[in-house]
PDB file of N, CA and C in Angstrom:
ATOM      1  N   MET A   1       0.843  -1.181   0.000  1.00  0.00           N
ATOM      2  CA  MET A   1       0.000   0.000   0.000  1.00  0.00           C
ATOM      3  C   MET A   1       0.888   1.243   0.000  1.00  0.00           C
ATOM      4  N   LEU A   2       0.591   2.168  -0.873  1.00  0.00           N
ATOM      5  CA  LEU A   2       1.374   3.387  -0.966  1.00  0.00           C
ATOM      6  C   LEU A   2       0.911   4.412   0.069  1.00  0.00           C
ATOM      7  N   SER A   3       1.875   5.118   0.642  1.00  0.00           N
ATOM      8  CA  SER A   3       1.533   6.190   1.572  1.00  0.00           C
ATOM      9  C   SER A   3       1.007   7.389   0.777  1.00  0.00           C
ATOM     10  N   ASP A   4       0.433   8.351   1.456  1.00  0.00           N
ATOM     11  CA  ASP A   4      -0.098   9.534   0.780  1.00  0.00           C
ATOM     12  C   ASP A   4       1.001  10.298   0.045  1.00  0.00           C
ATOM     13  N   SER A   5       2.175  10.385   0.646  1.00  0.00           N
ATOM     14  CA  SER A   5       3.265  11.101  -0.019  1.00  0.00           C
ATOM     15  C   SER A   5       3.751  10.340  -1.250  1.00  0.00           C
ATOM     16  N   GLN A   6       3.756   9.011  -1.179  1.00  0.00           N
ATOM     17  CA  GLN A   6       4.146   8.213  -2.342  1.00  0.00           C
ATOM     18  C   GLN A   6       3.116   8.348  -3.464  1.00  0.00           C
ATOM     19  N   LYS A   7       1.828   8.372  -3.102  1.00  0.00           N
ATOM     20  CA  LYS A   7       0.772   8.563  -4.093  1.00  0.00           C
ATOM     21  C   LYS A   7       0.912   9.919  -4.767  1.00  0.00           C
ATOM     22  N   ARG A   8       1.192  10.938  -3.975  1.00  0.00           N
ATOM     23  CA  ARG A   8       1.346  12.288  -4.530  1.00  0.00           C
ATOM     24  C   ARG A   8       2.534  12.344  -5.493  1.00  0.00           C
ATOM     25  N   LEU A   9       3.651  11.732  -5.083  1.00  0.00           N
ATOM     26  CA  LEU A   9       4.827  11.708  -5.949  1.00  0.00           C
ATOM     27  C   LEU A   9       4.546  10.961  -7.250  1.00  0.00           C
ATOM     28  N   GLU A  10       3.855   9.841  -7.162  1.00  0.00           N
ATOM     29  CA  GLU A  10       3.506   9.058  -8.355  1.00  0.00           C
ATOM     30  C   GLU A  10       2.584   9.862  -9.265  1.00  0.00           C
ATOM     31  N   THR A  11       1.625  10.547  -8.675  1.00  0.00           N
ATOM     32  CA  THR A  11       0.698  11.379  -9.448  1.00  0.00           C
ATOM     33  C   THR A  11       1.449  12.498 -10.160  1.00  0.00           C
ATOM     34  N   GLU A  12       2.308  13.187  -9.425  1.00  0.00           N
ATOM     35  CA  GLU A  12       3.082  14.281 -10.016  1.00  0.00           C
ATOM     36  C   GLU A  12       4.004  13.769 -11.118  1.00  0.00           C
ATOM     37  N   LYS A  13       4.586  12.590 -10.916  1.00  0.00           N
ATOM     38  CA  LYS A  13       5.463  12.036 -11.951  1.00  0.00           C
ATOM     39  C   LYS A  13       4.681  11.736 -13.215  1.00  0.00           C
ATOM     40  N   ARG A  14       3.520  11.125 -13.081  1.00  0.00           N
ATOM     41  CA  ARG A  14       2.699  10.828 -14.259  1.00  0.00           C
ATOM     42  C   ARG A  14       2.312  12.102 -14.991  1.00  0.00           C
ATOM     43  N   LEU A  15       1.921  13.109 -14.232  1.00  0.00           N
ATOM     44  CA  LEU A  15       1.535  14.377 -14.870  1.00  0.00           C
ATOM     45  C   LEU A  15       2.737  15.077 -15.493  1.00  0.00           C
ATOM     46  N   ALA A  16       3.890  14.985 -14.856  1.00  0.00           N
ATOM     47  CA  ALA A  16       5.106  15.576 -15.424  1.00  0.00           C
ATOM     48  C   ALA A  16       5.491  14.853 -16.718  1.00  0.00           C
ATOM     49  N   ASP A  17       5.336  13.538 -16.744  1.00  0.00           N
ATOM     50  CA  ASP A  17       5.613  12.769 -17.963  1.00  0.00           C
ATOM     51  C   ASP A  17       4.640  13.166 -19.078  1.00  0.00           C
ATOM     52  N   GLU A  18       3.375  13.312 -18.713  1.00  0.00           N
ATOM     53  CA  GLU A  18       2.353  13.742 -19.672  1.00  0.00           C
ATOM     54  C   GLU A  18       2.688  15.131 -20.216  1.00  0.00           C
ATOM     55  N   LEU A  19       3.132  16.010 -19.334  1.00  0.00           N
ATOM     56  CA  LEU A  19       3.504  17.365 -19.730  1.00  0.00           C
ATOM     57  C   LEU A  19       4.699  17.348 -20.679  1.00  0.00           C
ATOM     58  N   GLU A  20       5.702  16.565 -20.369  1.00  0.00           N
ATOM     59  CA  GLU A  20       6.891  16.485 -21.221  1.00  0.00           C
ATOM     60  C   GLU A  20       6.548  15.931 -22.592  1.00  0.00           C
ATOM     61  N   LYS A  21       5.695  14.914 -22.626  1.00  0.00           N
ATOM     62  CA  LYS A  21       5.284  14.334 -23.908  1.00  0.00           C
ATOM     63  C   LYS A  21       4.528  15.378 -24.743  1.00  0.00           C
ATOM     64  N   ALA A  22       3.621  16.109 -24.115  1.00  0.00           N
ATOM     65  CA  ALA A  22       2.854  17.140 -24.834  1.00  0.00           C
ATOM     66  C   ALA A  22       3.772  18.251 -25.333  1.00  0.00           C
ATOM     67  N   ARG A  23       4.761  18.618 -24.518  1.00  0.00           N
ATOM     68  CA  ARG A  23       5.719  19.660 -24.927  1.00  0.00           C
ATOM     69  C   ARG A  23       6.516  19.204 -26.145  1.00  0.00           C
ATOM     70  N   ALA A  24       6.989  17.974 -26.115  1.00  0.00           N
ATOM     71  CA  ALA A  24       7.766  17.445 -27.240  1.00  0.00           C
ATOM     72  C   ALA A  24       6.918  17.377 -28.512  1.00  0.00           C
ATOM     73  N   GLU A  25       5.656  16.968 -28.373  1.00  0.00           N
ATOM     74  CA  GLU A  25       4.772  16.897 -29.537  1.00  0.00           C
ATOM     75  C   GLU A  25       4.492  18.291 -30.099  1.00  0.00           C
ATOM     76  N   TYR A  26       4.317  19.269 -29.213  1.00  0.00           N
ATOM     77  CA  TYR A  26       4.103  20.641 -29.677  1.00  0.00           C
ATOM     78  C   TYR A  26       5.344  21.172 -30.397  1.00  0.00           C
ATOM     79  N   ARG A  27       6.503  20.937 -29.826  1.00  0.00           N
ATOM     80  CA  ARG A  27       7.743  21.408 -30.468  1.00  0.00           C
ATOM     81  C   ARG A  27       7.921  20.779 -31.852  1.00  0.00           C
ATOM     82  N   ALA A  28       7.644  19.490 -31.957  1.00  0.00           N
ATOM     83  CA  ALA A  28       7.776  18.800 -33.245  1.00  0.00           C
ATOM     84  C   ALA A  28       6.782  19.360 -34.258  1.00  0.00           C
ATOM     85  N   ALA A  29       5.540  19.566 -33.831  1.00  0.00           N
ATOM     86  CA  ALA A  29       4.521  20.112 -34.730  1.00  0.00           C
ATOM     87  C   ALA A  29       4.874  21.527 -35.151  1.00  0.00           C
ATOM     88  N   SER A  30       5.371  22.309 -34.220  1.00  0.00           N
ATOM     89  CA  SER A  30       5.757  23.687 -34.513  1.00  0.00           C
ATOM     90  C   SER A  30       6.915  23.735 -35.510  1.00  0.00           C
ATOM     91  N   THR A  31       7.859  22.829 -35.350  1.00  0.00           N
ATOM     92  CA  THR A  31       8.991  22.748 -36.279  1.00  0.00           C
ATOM     93  C   THR A  31       8.506  22.369 -37.680  1.00  0.00           C
ATOM     94  N   GLN A  32       7.583  21.416 -37.752  1.00  0.00           N
ATOM     95  CA  GLN A  32       7.038  21.015 -39.051  1.00  0.00           C
ATOM     96  C   GLN A  32       6.280  22.168 -39.704  1.00  0.00           C
ATOM     97  N   PHE A  33       5.552  22.937 -38.911  1.00  0.00           N
ATOM     98  CA  PHE A  33       4.813  24.074 -39.459  1.00  0.00           C
ATOM     99  C   PHE A  33       5.772  25.125 -40.012  1.00  0.00           C
ATOM    100  N   ARG A  34       6.789  25.473 -39.236  1.00  0.00           N
ATOM    101  CA  ARG A  34       7.770  26.462 -39.716  1.00  0.00           C
ATOM    102  C   ARG A  34       8.447  25.982 -40.991  1.00  0.00           C
ATOM    103  N   SER A  35       8.743  24.692 -41.050  1.00  0.00           N
ATOM    104  CA  SER A  35       9.355  24.125 -42.245  1.00  0.00           C
ATOM    105  C   SER A  35       8.408  24.230 -43.438  1.00  0.00           C
ATOM    106  N   ALA A  36       7.127  23.949 -43.214  1.00  0.00           N
ATOM    107  CA  ALA A  36       6.140  24.027 -44.303  1.00  0.00           C
ATOM    108  C   ALA A  36       6.016  25.456 -44.813  1.00  0.00           C
ATOM    109  N   VAL A  37       6.036  26.417 -43.920  1.00  0.00           N
ATOM    110  CA  VAL A  37       5.913  27.824 -44.309  1.00  0.00           C
ATOM    111  C   VAL A  37       7.138  28.265 -45.109  1.00  0.00           C
ATOM    112  N   ASN A  38       8.293  27.792 -44.730  1.00  0.00           N
ATOM    113  CA  ASN A  38       9.538  28.218 -45.382  1.00  0.00           C
ATOM    114  C   ASN A  38       9.911  27.398 -46.604  1.00  0.00           C
ATOM    115  N   ASP A  39       9.213  26.286 -46.858  1.00  0.00           N
ATOM    116  CA  ASP A  39       9.546  25.404 -47.973  1.00  0.00           C
ATOM    117  C   ASP A  39       8.919  25.923 -49.265  1.00  0.00           C
ATOM    118  N   SER A  40       9.737  26.387 -50.164  1.00  0.00           N
ATOM    119  CA  SER A  40       9.219  26.895 -51.432  1.00  0.00           C
ATOM    120  C   SER A  40       9.308  25.861 -52.552  1.00  0.00           C
ATOM    121  N   GLY A  41       9.719  24.643 -52.235  1.00  0.00           N
ATOM    122  CA  GLY A  41       9.875  23.618 -53.250  1.00  0.00           C
ATOM    123  C   GLY A  41       8.596  22.867 -53.584  1.00  0.00           C
ATOM    124  N   ILE A  42       7.543  23.079 -52.816  1.00  0.00           N
ATOM    125  CA  ILE A  42       6.270  22.402 -53.069  1.00  0.00           C
ATOM    126  C   ILE A  42       5.413  23.302 -53.949  1.00  0.00           C
ATOM    127  N   PRO A  43       4.776  22.759 -54.996  1.00  0.00           N
ATOM    128  CA  PRO A  43       3.904  23.574 -55.856  1.00  0.00           C
ATOM    129  C   PRO A  43       2.782  24.232 -55.042  1.00  0.00           C
ATOM    130  N   GLN A  44       2.317  25.375 -55.496  1.00  0.00           N
ATOM    131  CA  GLN A  44       1.410  26.240 -54.745  1.00  0.00           C
ATOM    132  C   GLN A  44       0.167  25.562 -54.150  1.00  0.00           C
ATOM    133  N   PRO A  45      -0.683  24.898 -54.893  1.00  0.00           N
ATOM    134  CA  PRO A  45      -1.884  24.344 -54.238  1.00  0.00           C
ATOM    135  C   PRO A  45      -1.545  23.339 -53.142  1.00  0.00           C
ATOM    136  N   ASP A  46      -0.554  22.502 -53.408  1.00  0.00           N
ATOM    137  CA  ASP A  46      -0.147  21.512 -52.411  1.00  0.00           C
ATOM    138  C   ASP A  46       0.513  22.184 -51.212  1.00  0.00           C
ATOM    139  N   ARG A  47       1.258  23.242 -51.470  1.00  0.00           N
ATOM    140  CA  ARG A  47       1.938  23.976 -50.400  1.00  0.00           C
ATOM    141  C   ARG A  47       0.912  24.593 -49.458  1.00  0.00           C
ATOM    142  N   ASP A  48      -0.121  25.204 -50.012  1.00  0.00           N
ATOM    143  CA  ASP A  48      -1.166  25.808 -49.174  1.00  0.00           C
ATOM    144  C   ASP A  48      -1.842  24.759 -48.298  1.00  0.00           C
ATOM    145  N   LEU A  49      -2.168  23.616 -48.895  1.00  0.00           N
ATOM    146  CA  LEU A  49      -2.794  22.532 -48.144  1.00  0.00           C
ATOM    147  C   LEU A  49      -1.861  22.039 -47.037  1.00  0.00           C
ATOM    148  N   HIS A  50      -0.605  21.868 -47.373  1.00  0.00           N
ATOM    149  CA  HIS A  50       0.375  21.396 -46.399  1.00  0.00           C
ATOM    150  C   HIS A  50       0.500  22.378 -45.231  1.00  0.00           C
ATOM    151  N   ILE A  51       0.507  23.665 -45.526  1.00  0.00           N
ATOM    152  CA  ILE A  51       0.590  24.676 -44.474  1.00  0.00           C
ATOM    153  C   ILE A  51      -0.651  24.619 -43.592  1.00  0.00           C
ATOM    154  N   ARG A  52      -1.827  24.490 -44.198  1.00  0.00           N
ATOM    155  CA  ARG A  52      -3.059  24.404 -43.402  1.00  0.00           C
ATOM    156  C   ARG A  52      -3.053  23.163 -42.510  1.00  0.00           C
ATOM    157  N   GLN A  53      -2.629  22.042 -43.062  1.00  0.00           N
ATOM    158  CA  GLN A  53      -2.617  20.800 -42.289  1.00  0.00           C
ATOM    159  C   GLN A  53      -1.612  20.863 -41.132  1.00  0.00           C
ATOM    160  N   THR A  54      -0.427  21.360 -41.402  1.00  0.00           N
ATOM    161  CA  THR A  54       0.569  21.446 -40.331  1.00  0.00           C
ATOM    162  C   THR A  54       0.168  22.519 -39.322  1.00  0.00           C
ATOM    163  N   GLY A  55      -0.501  23.569 -39.783  1.00  0.00           N
ATOM    164  CA  GLY A  55      -1.000  24.591 -38.859  1.00  0.00           C
ATOM    165  C   GLY A  55      -2.036  24.010 -37.915  1.00  0.00           C
ATOM    166  N   GLN A  56      -2.937  23.203 -38.454  1.00  0.00           N
ATOM    167  CA  GLN A  56      -3.961  22.565 -37.609  1.00  0.00           C
ATOM    168  C   GLN A  56      -3.313  21.601 -36.624  1.00  0.00           C
ATOM    169  N   ALA A  57      -2.340  20.843 -37.082  1.00  0.00           N
ATOM    170  CA  ALA A  57      -1.640  19.910 -36.180  1.00  0.00           C
ATOM    171  C   ALA A  57      -0.932  20.676 -35.065  1.00  0.00           C
ATOM    172  N   THR A  58      -0.383  21.835 -35.383  1.00  0.00           N
ATOM    173  CA  THR A  58       0.295  22.659 -34.381  1.00  0.00           C
ATOM    174  C   THR A  58      -0.705  23.204 -33.371  1.00  0.00           C
ATOM    175  N   ARG A  59      -1.862  23.661 -33.844  1.00  0.00           N
ATOM    176  CA  ARG A  59      -2.893  24.163 -32.926  1.00  0.00           C
ATOM    177  C   ARG A  59      -3.385  23.063 -31.990  1.00  0.00           C
ATOM    178  N   THR A  60      -3.572  21.871 -32.527  1.00  0.00           N
ATOM    179  CA  THR A  60      -4.013  20.739 -31.702  1.00  0.00           C
ATOM    180  C   THR A  60      -2.948  20.395 -30.664  1.00  0.00           C
ATOM    181  N   ALA A  61      -1.697  20.356 -31.087  1.00  0.00           N
ATOM    182  CA  ALA A  61      -0.601  20.044 -30.168  1.00  0.00           C
ATOM    183  C   ALA A  61      -0.476  21.118 -29.089  1.00  0.00           C
ATOM    184  N   LEU A  62      -0.673  22.370 -29.456  1.00  0.00           N
ATOM    185  CA  LEU A  62      -0.607  23.459 -28.480  1.00  0.00           C
ATOM    186  C   LEU A  62      -1.739  23.334 -27.464  1.00  0.00           C
ATOM    187  N   GLU A  63      -2.924  22.995 -27.907  1.00  0.00           N
ATOM    188  CA  GLU A  63      -4.050  22.809 -26.981  1.00  0.00           C
ATOM    189  C   GLU A  63      -3.777  21.642 -26.033  1.00  0.00           C
ATOM    190  N   ASN A  64      -3.212  20.562 -26.540  1.00  0.00           N
ATOM    191  CA  ASN A  64      -2.853  19.424 -25.682  1.00  0.00           C
ATOM    192  C   ASN A  64      -1.780  19.817 -24.666  1.00  0.00           C
ATOM    193  N   TYR A  65      -0.824  20.614 -25.087  1.00  0.00           N
ATOM    194  CA  TYR A  65       0.238  21.099 -24.197  1.00  0.00           C
ATOM    195  C   TYR A  65      -0.361  22.001 -23.123  1.00  0.00           C
ATOM    196  N   ARG A  66      -1.254  22.908 -23.530  1.00  0.00           N
ATOM    197  CA  ARG A  66      -1.907  23.810 -22.576  1.00  0.00           C
ATOM    198  C   ARG A  66      -2.684  22.998 -21.539  1.00  0.00           C
ATOM    199  N   ARG A  67      -3.400  21.983 -21.994  1.00  0.00           N
ATOM    200  CA  ARG A  67      -4.174  21.135 -21.095  1.00  0.00           C
ATOM    201  C   ARG A  67      -3.250  20.392 -20.119  1.00  0.00           C
ATOM    202  N   ALA A  68      -2.127  19.894 -20.603  1.00  0.00           N
ATOM    203  CA  ALA A  68      -1.175  19.180 -19.737  1.00  0.00           C
ATOM    204  C   ALA A  68      -0.586  20.122 -18.686  1.00  0.00           C
ATOM    205  N   ILE A  69      -0.289  21.350 -19.075  1.00  0.00           N
ATOM    206  CA  ILE A  69       0.213  22.345 -18.119  1.00  0.00           C
ATOM    207  C   ILE A  69      -0.836  22.598 -17.042  1.00  0.00           C
ATOM    208  N   GLN A  70      -2.078  22.760 -17.468  1.00  0.00           N
ATOM    209  CA  GLN A  70      -3.166  23.027 -16.518  1.00  0.00           C
ATOM    210  C   GLN A  70      -3.333  21.870 -15.539  1.00  0.00           C
ATOM    211  N   ARG A  71      -3.309  20.656 -16.052  1.00  0.00           N
ATOM    212  CA  ARG A  71      -3.467  19.477 -15.186  1.00  0.00           C
ATOM    213  C   ARG A  71      -2.309  19.386 -14.185  1.00  0.00           C
ATOM    214  N   PHE A  72      -1.091  19.608 -14.650  1.00  0.00           N
ATOM    215  CA  PHE A  72       0.071  19.553 -13.764  1.00  0.00           C
ATOM    216  C   PHE A  72      -0.017  20.637 -12.699  1.00  0.00           C
ATOM    217  N   ASN A  73      -0.345  21.860 -13.108  1.00  0.00           N
ATOM    218  CA  ASN A  73      -0.456  22.965 -12.150  1.00  0.00           C
ATOM    219  C   ASN A  73      -1.579  22.729 -11.150  1.00  0.00           C
ATOM    220  N   ASP A  74      -2.723  22.261 -11.618  1.00  0.00           N
ATOM    221  CA  ASP A  74      -3.835  21.990 -10.703  1.00  0.00           C
ATOM    222  C   ASP A  74      -3.429  20.985  -9.630  1.00  0.00           C
ATOM    223  N   CYS A  75      -2.667  19.997 -10.026  1.00  0.00           N
ATOM    224  CA  CYS A  75      -2.231  18.968  -9.080  1.00  0.00           C
ATOM    225  C   CYS A  75      -1.194  19.520  -8.103  1.00  0.00           C
ATOM    226  N   THR A  76      -0.163  20.163  -8.626  1.00  0.00           N
ATOM    227  CA  THR A  76       0.933  20.604  -7.766  1.00  0.00           C
ATOM    228  C   THR A  76       0.566  21.806  -6.902  1.00  0.00           C
ATOM    229  N   VAL A  77      -0.286  22.682  -7.409  1.00  0.00           N
ATOM    230  CA  VAL A  77      -0.640  23.892  -6.654  1.00  0.00           C
ATOM    231  C   VAL A  77      -1.857  23.658  -5.761  1.00  0.00           C
ATOM    232  N   TYR A  78      -2.895  23.014  -6.314  1.00  0.00           N
ATOM    233  CA  TYR A  78      -4.165  22.885  -5.590  1.00  0.00           C
ATOM    234  C   TYR A  78      -4.462  21.468  -5.089  1.00  0.00           C
ATOM    235  N   GLY A  79      -3.642  20.503  -5.464  1.00  0.00           N
ATOM    236  CA  GLY A  79      -3.865  19.135  -5.021  1.00  0.00           C
ATOM    237  C   GLY A  79      -4.992  18.426  -5.754  1.00  0.00           C
ATOM    238  N   ILE A  80      -5.391  18.949  -6.921  1.00  0.00           N
ATOM    239  CA  ILE A  80      -6.462  18.343  -7.700  1.00  0.00           C
ATOM    240  C   ILE A  80      -5.872  17.241  -8.577  1.00  0.00           C
ATOM    241  N   VAL A  81      -6.353  16.018  -8.380  1.00  0.00           N
ATOM    242  CA  VAL A  81      -5.888  14.877  -9.165  1.00  0.00           C
ATOM    243  C   VAL A  81      -6.917  14.609 -10.254  1.00  0.00           C
ATOM    244  N   PRO A  82      -6.510  14.616 -11.526  1.00  0.00           N
ATOM    245  CA  PRO A  82      -7.457  14.337 -12.610  1.00  0.00           C
ATOM    246  C   PRO A  82      -8.086  12.951 -12.445  1.00  0.00           C
ATOM    247  N   ASP A  83      -9.388  12.880 -12.686  1.00  0.00           N
ATOM    248  CA  ASP A  83     -10.122  11.618 -12.535  1.00  0.00           C
ATOM    249  C   ASP A  83      -9.608  10.520 -13.454  1.00  0.00           C
ATOM    250  N   ASP A  84      -9.143  10.892 -14.624  1.00  0.00           N
ATOM    251  CA  ASP A  84      -8.738   9.896 -15.626  1.00  0.00           C
ATOM    252  C   ASP A  84      -7.275   9.465 -15.505  1.00  0.00           C
ATOM    253  N   LEU A  85      -6.565   9.965 -14.535  1.00  0.00           N
ATOM    254  CA  LEU A  85      -5.117   9.707 -14.448  1.00  0.00           C
ATOM    255  C   LEU A  85      -4.785   8.247 -14.184  1.00  0.00           C
ATOM    256  N   PHE A  86      -5.555   7.580 -13.376  1.00  0.00           N
ATOM    257  CA  PHE A  86      -5.240   6.197 -13.002  1.00  0.00           C
ATOM    258  C   PHE A  86      -6.229   5.202 -13.596  1.00  0.00           C
ATOM    259  N   SER A  87      -6.941   5.612 -14.647  1.00  0.00           N
ATOM    260  CA  SER A  87      -7.916   4.700 -15.271  1.00  0.00           C
ATOM    261  C   SER A  87      -7.249   3.724 -16.193  1.00  0.00           C
TER     262      SER A  87
END
């Protein structure tokens, strides 16, 4: 049986891992978007589509990162443990 402090540490570790994963995914998506914007080797209609698609992927990744930050902060600052964390 885990003590309360061990449970808290495990919870914070899981949320920190989730946060790091979301950060890495956002950085990768952001890099792909910048590359798409700067790539002039793709013909125009395909280039526009590629920019829109990578832009959407970046927005989604940013929202996931924002959510992970919020979950981590809620836990570490207010002691709120997300219901879905141990499901």
